[in-house]
Amino acid sequence: MERNYINCENFKKRMIELCLKSGLSDFPVKRRDQRILLKSIAILFNPKHQYTEAEVNQRIIGWLKDMERFFQWDFMMLRRRLVDEKFLTRKTDGSGYRLCPPDPAEIIFDPAIDELDICQVIREGEESIARKKEEYLQKQAVWLIN
């Protein structure tokens, strides 16, 4: 698959890594990771709807609350990045925001990503990590007994 294409499984895997395994507290340095996180916010917007700044802020703040570890991030910084990275377009007078169509020169995301529940993806990641940890601990216990 092309380097600038991210399928749904790779998106979920990287979101779990960024949110649960990386220790990330600042906005990612790698552009690909930045775009993955911004896409996880952009899926909260309906492409047929125009949003006020307050509605955009509300969605970003909701995402921040769901992604508790990132709650210290500034919602205004994320809103600006969504516009700068062309996930959202903003009217020149600031009165409205819309979801942008994908830019073929940028990373292209599998359309199935738009249907994901990011909170569910993270919960499944947490469950998988807990399950693997439990399996590891059980193997260690067996090894110690023998």
C-alpha atoms as a PDB file:
ATOM      1  CA  MET A   1       0.000   0.000   0.000  1.00  0.00           C
ATOM      2  CA  GLU A   2       1.164   3.538  -0.650  1.00  0.00           C
ATOM      3  CA  ARG A   3       3.147   5.313   2.047  1.00  0.00           C
ATOM      4  CA  ASN A   4       0.638   8.173   2.156  1.00  0.00           C
ATOM      5  CA  TYR A   5      -2.371   5.877   2.720  1.00  0.00           C
ATOM      6  CA  ILE A   6      -3.537   4.761   6.165  1.00  0.00           C
ATOM      7  CA  ASN A   7      -6.025   1.935   6.353  1.00  0.00           C
ATOM      8  CA  CYS A   8      -8.440   1.484   9.241  1.00  0.00           C
ATOM      9  CA  GLU A   9      -6.428  -1.203  11.054  1.00  0.00           C
ATOM     10  CA  ASN A  10      -3.195   0.788  10.906  1.00  0.00           C
ATOM     11  CA  PHE A  11      -5.039   3.884  12.107  1.00  0.00           C
ATOM     12  CA  LYS A  12      -6.474   2.034  15.120  1.00  0.00           C
ATOM     13  CA  LYS A  13      -3.115   0.454  15.929  1.00  0.00           C
ATOM     14  CA  ARG A  14      -1.305   3.811  15.824  1.00  0.00           C
ATOM     15  CA  MET A  15      -4.011   5.573  17.886  1.00  0.00           C
ATOM     16  CA  ILE A  16      -3.589   2.904  20.575  1.00  0.00           C
ATOM     17  CA  GLU A  17       0.190   3.282  20.456  1.00  0.00           C
ATOM     18  CA  LEU A  18      -0.017   7.080  20.675  1.00  0.00           C
ATOM     19  CA  CYS A  19      -2.632   7.128  23.422  1.00  0.00           C
ATOM     20  CA  LEU A  20      -1.627   4.161  25.546  1.00  0.00           C
ATOM     21  CA  LYS A  21       1.939   3.126  24.864  1.00  0.00           C
ATOM     22  CA  SER A  22       3.989   6.107  23.752  1.00  0.00           C
ATOM     23  CA  GLY A  23       3.996   8.247  26.880  1.00  0.00           C
ATOM     24  CA  LEU A  24       3.042  11.124  24.588  1.00  0.00           C
ATOM     25  CA  SER A  25       2.179  14.326  26.418  1.00  0.00           C
ATOM     26  CA  ASP A  26       3.076  17.008  23.858  1.00  0.00           C
ATOM     27  CA  PHE A  27       1.739  17.193  20.345  1.00  0.00           C
ATOM     28  CA  PRO A  28       3.584  14.579  18.269  1.00  0.00           C
ATOM     29  CA  VAL A  29       6.690  15.585  16.343  1.00  0.00           C
ATOM     30  CA  LYS A  30       6.143  13.184  13.452  1.00  0.00           C
ATOM     31  CA  ARG A  31       3.812  14.602  10.820  1.00  0.00           C
ATOM     32  CA  ARG A  32       2.123  11.231  10.237  1.00  0.00           C
ATOM     33  CA  ASP A  33       1.270  10.964  13.955  1.00  0.00           C
ATOM     34  CA  GLN A  34       0.034  14.567  13.999  1.00  0.00           C
ATOM     35  CA  ARG A  35      -2.302  13.827  11.106  1.00  0.00           C
ATOM     36  CA  ILE A  36      -3.581  10.632  12.747  1.00  0.00           C
ATOM     37  CA  LEU A  37      -4.489  12.501  15.945  1.00  0.00           C
ATOM     38  CA  LEU A  38      -6.075  15.358  14.005  1.00  0.00           C
ATOM     39  CA  LYS A  39      -8.053  12.858  11.928  1.00  0.00           C
ATOM     40  CA  SER A  40      -9.342  11.319  15.169  1.00  0.00           C
ATOM     41  CA  ILE A  41     -10.831  14.740  15.954  1.00  0.00           C
ATOM     42  CA  ALA A  42     -11.993  15.480  12.409  1.00  0.00           C
ATOM     43  CA  ILE A  43     -14.218  12.389  12.346  1.00  0.00           C
ATOM     44  CA  LEU A  44     -16.424  14.162  14.905  1.00  0.00           C
ATOM     45  CA  PHE A  45     -17.568  16.602  12.208  1.00  0.00           C
ATOM     46  CA  ASN A  46     -20.307  16.056   9.637  1.00  0.00           C
ATOM     47  CA  PRO A  47     -19.127  17.093   6.160  1.00  0.00           C
ATOM     48  CA  LYS A  48     -22.605  18.454   5.330  1.00  0.00           C
ATOM     49  CA  HIS A  49     -22.779  20.784   8.323  1.00  0.00           C
ATOM     50  CA  GLN A  50     -21.284  24.215   8.912  1.00  0.00           C
ATOM     51  CA  TYR A  51     -20.146  24.760  12.488  1.00  0.00           C
ATOM     52  CA  THR A  52     -19.776  27.863  14.580  1.00  0.00           C
ATOM     53  CA  GLU A  53     -16.512  28.377  16.419  1.00  0.00           C
ATOM     54  CA  ALA A  54     -18.285  27.483  19.667  1.00  0.00           C
ATOM     55  CA  GLU A  55     -19.501  24.170  18.169  1.00  0.00           C
ATOM     56  CA  VAL A  56     -16.001  23.365  16.921  1.00  0.00           C
ATOM     57  CA  ASN A  57     -14.575  24.167  20.345  1.00  0.00           C
ATOM     58  CA  GLN A  58     -17.214  21.972  21.991  1.00  0.00           C
ATOM     59  CA  ARG A  59     -16.281  18.964  19.854  1.00  0.00           C
ATOM     60  CA  ILE A  60     -12.553  19.433  20.458  1.00  0.00           C
ATOM     61  CA  ILE A  61     -13.077  19.821  24.216  1.00  0.00           C
ATOM     62  CA  GLY A  62     -15.198  16.653  24.195  1.00  0.00           C
ATOM     63  CA  TRP A  63     -12.385  14.804  22.392  1.00  0.00           C
ATOM     64  CA  LEU A  64      -9.892  16.112  24.954  1.00  0.00           C
ATOM     65  CA  LYS A  65     -12.062  14.834  27.803  1.00  0.00           C
ATOM     66  CA  ASP A  66     -12.369  11.425  26.130  1.00  0.00           C
ATOM     67  CA  MET A  67      -8.611  11.313  25.592  1.00  0.00           C
ATOM     68  CA  GLU A  68      -7.919  12.171  29.243  1.00  0.00           C
ATOM     69  CA  ARG A  69      -4.164  11.983  28.924  1.00  0.00           C
ATOM     70  CA  PHE A  70      -4.235  14.889  26.438  1.00  0.00           C
ATOM     71  CA  PHE A  71      -6.627  17.072  28.424  1.00  0.00           C
ATOM     72  CA  GLN A  72      -3.865  19.555  29.235  1.00  0.00           C
ATOM     73  CA  TRP A  73      -3.643  20.361  25.514  1.00  0.00           C
ATOM     74  CA  ASP A  74      -5.147  23.646  24.429  1.00  0.00           C
ATOM     75  CA  PHE A  75      -8.352  23.270  22.404  1.00  0.00           C
ATOM     76  CA  MET A  76      -7.543  26.508  20.545  1.00  0.00           C
ATOM     77  CA  MET A  77      -4.205  25.045  19.416  1.00  0.00           C
ATOM     78  CA  LEU A  78      -5.998  21.957  18.144  1.00  0.00           C
ATOM     79  CA  ARG A  79      -8.628  24.056  16.339  1.00  0.00           C
ATOM     80  CA  ARG A  80      -5.855  26.073  14.672  1.00  0.00           C
ATOM     81  CA  ARG A  81      -4.013  22.888  13.665  1.00  0.00           C
ATOM     82  CA  LEU A  82      -7.204  21.400  12.223  1.00  0.00           C
ATOM     83  CA  VAL A  83      -7.475  24.484  10.006  1.00  0.00           C
ATOM     84  CA  ASP A  84      -3.757  24.763   9.198  1.00  0.00           C
ATOM     85  CA  GLU A  85      -3.569  21.076   8.273  1.00  0.00           C
ATOM     86  CA  LYS A  86      -6.718  21.390   6.130  1.00  0.00           C
ATOM     87  CA  PHE A  87      -8.993  19.108   8.098  1.00  0.00           C
ATOM     88  CA  LEU A  88     -11.317  22.086   8.621  1.00  0.00           C
ATOM     89  CA  THR A  89     -11.819  25.178   6.537  1.00  0.00           C
ATOM     90  CA  ARG A  90     -12.705  28.483   8.174  1.00  0.00           C
ATOM     91  CA  LYS A  91     -14.629  31.380   6.683  1.00  0.00           C
ATOM     92  CA  THR A  92     -12.481  34.506   6.454  1.00  0.00           C
ATOM     93  CA  ASP A  93     -14.709  36.315   8.932  1.00  0.00           C
ATOM     94  CA  GLY A  94     -14.495  33.377  11.363  1.00  0.00           C
ATOM     95  CA  SER A  95     -18.255  32.819  11.313  1.00  0.00           C
ATOM     96  CA  GLY A  96     -18.168  29.208  10.193  1.00  0.00           C
ATOM     97  CA  TYR A  97     -16.125  26.044   9.876  1.00  0.00           C
ATOM     98  CA  ARG A  98     -16.573  23.061   7.588  1.00  0.00           C
ATOM     99  CA  LEU A  99     -14.866  19.729   7.155  1.00  0.00           C
ATOM    100  CA  CYS A 100     -12.445  19.863   4.205  1.00  0.00           C
ATOM    101  CA  PRO A 101     -12.382  17.254   1.479  1.00  0.00           C
ATOM    102  CA  PRO A 102      -9.209  15.126   1.554  1.00  0.00           C
ATOM    103  CA  ASP A 103      -6.138  16.621  -0.087  1.00  0.00           C
ATOM    104  CA  PRO A 104      -4.653  14.013  -2.461  1.00  0.00           C
ATOM    105  CA  ALA A 105      -1.169  15.452  -1.825  1.00  0.00           C
ATOM    106  CA  GLU A 106      -1.489  14.586   1.882  1.00  0.00           C
ATOM    107  CA  ILE A 107      -1.979  11.341   3.764  1.00  0.00           C
ATOM    108  CA  ILE A 108      -5.165   9.674   2.582  1.00  0.00           C
ATOM    109  CA  PHE A 109      -7.251   7.919   5.210  1.00  0.00           C
ATOM    110  CA  ASP A 110      -9.383   4.853   4.588  1.00  0.00           C
ATOM    111  CA  PRO A 111     -13.029   6.046   4.502  1.00  0.00           C
ATOM    112  CA  ALA A 112     -13.872   3.372   7.110  1.00  0.00           C
ATOM    113  CA  ILE A 113     -11.968   5.480   9.668  1.00  0.00           C
ATOM    114  CA  ASP A 114     -14.780   8.049   9.537  1.00  0.00           C
ATOM    115  CA  GLU A 115     -17.094   5.440  11.092  1.00  0.00           C
ATOM    116  CA  LEU A 116     -14.851   4.633  14.062  1.00  0.00           C
ATOM    117  CA  ASP A 117     -15.716   5.356  17.658  1.00  0.00           C
ATOM    118  CA  ILE A 118     -12.317   6.527  18.920  1.00  0.00           C
ATOM    119  CA  CYS A 119     -13.274   5.922  22.564  1.00  0.00           C
ATOM    120  CA  GLN A 120     -14.151   2.325  21.691  1.00  0.00           C
ATOM    121  CA  VAL A 121     -10.833   1.920  19.853  1.00  0.00           C
ATOM    122  CA  ILE A 122      -8.965   3.106  22.956  1.00  0.00           C
ATOM    123  CA  ARG A 123     -11.053   0.880  25.283  1.00  0.00           C
ATOM    124  CA  GLU A 124     -10.300  -2.142  23.093  1.00  0.00           C
ATOM    125  CA  GLY A 125      -6.621  -1.196  23.185  1.00  0.00           C
ATOM    126  CA  GLU A 126      -6.690  -0.998  26.984  1.00  0.00           C
ATOM    127  CA  GLU A 127      -8.388  -4.412  27.161  1.00  0.00           C
ATOM    128  CA  SER A 128      -5.835  -5.932  24.793  1.00  0.00           C
ATOM    129  CA  ILE A 129      -2.924  -4.534  26.809  1.00  0.00           C
ATOM    130  CA  ALA A 130      -4.471  -5.800  30.073  1.00  0.00           C
ATOM    131  CA  ARG A 131      -5.065  -9.242  28.532  1.00  0.00           C
ATOM    132  CA  LYS A 132      -1.458  -9.477  27.287  1.00  0.00           C
ATOM    133  CA  LYS A 133      -0.163  -8.389  30.683  1.00  0.00           C
ATOM    134  CA  GLU A 134      -2.276 -11.031  32.424  1.00  0.00           C
ATOM    135  CA  GLU A 135      -1.037 -13.724  30.012  1.00  0.00           C
ATOM    136  CA  TYR A 136       2.550 -12.646  30.663  1.00  0.00           C
ATOM    137  CA  LEU A 137       2.031 -12.733  34.434  1.00  0.00           C
ATOM    138  CA  GLN A 138       0.479 -16.194  34.205  1.00  0.00           C
ATOM    139  CA  LYS A 139       3.460 -17.472  32.208  1.00  0.00           C
ATOM    140  CA  GLN A 140       5.809 -15.978  34.783  1.00  0.00           C
ATOM    141  CA  ALA A 141       3.887 -17.644  37.610  1.00  0.00           C
ATOM    142  CA  VAL A 142       4.117 -21.025  35.874  1.00  0.00           C
ATOM    143  CA  TRP A 143       7.834 -20.500  35.283  1.00  0.00           C
ATOM    144  CA  LEU A 144       8.374 -19.631  38.977  1.00  0.00           C
ATOM    145  CA  ILE A 145       6.471 -22.724  40.148  1.00  0.00           C
ATOM    146  CA  ASN A 146       8.494 -25.047  37.937  1.00  0.00           C
END
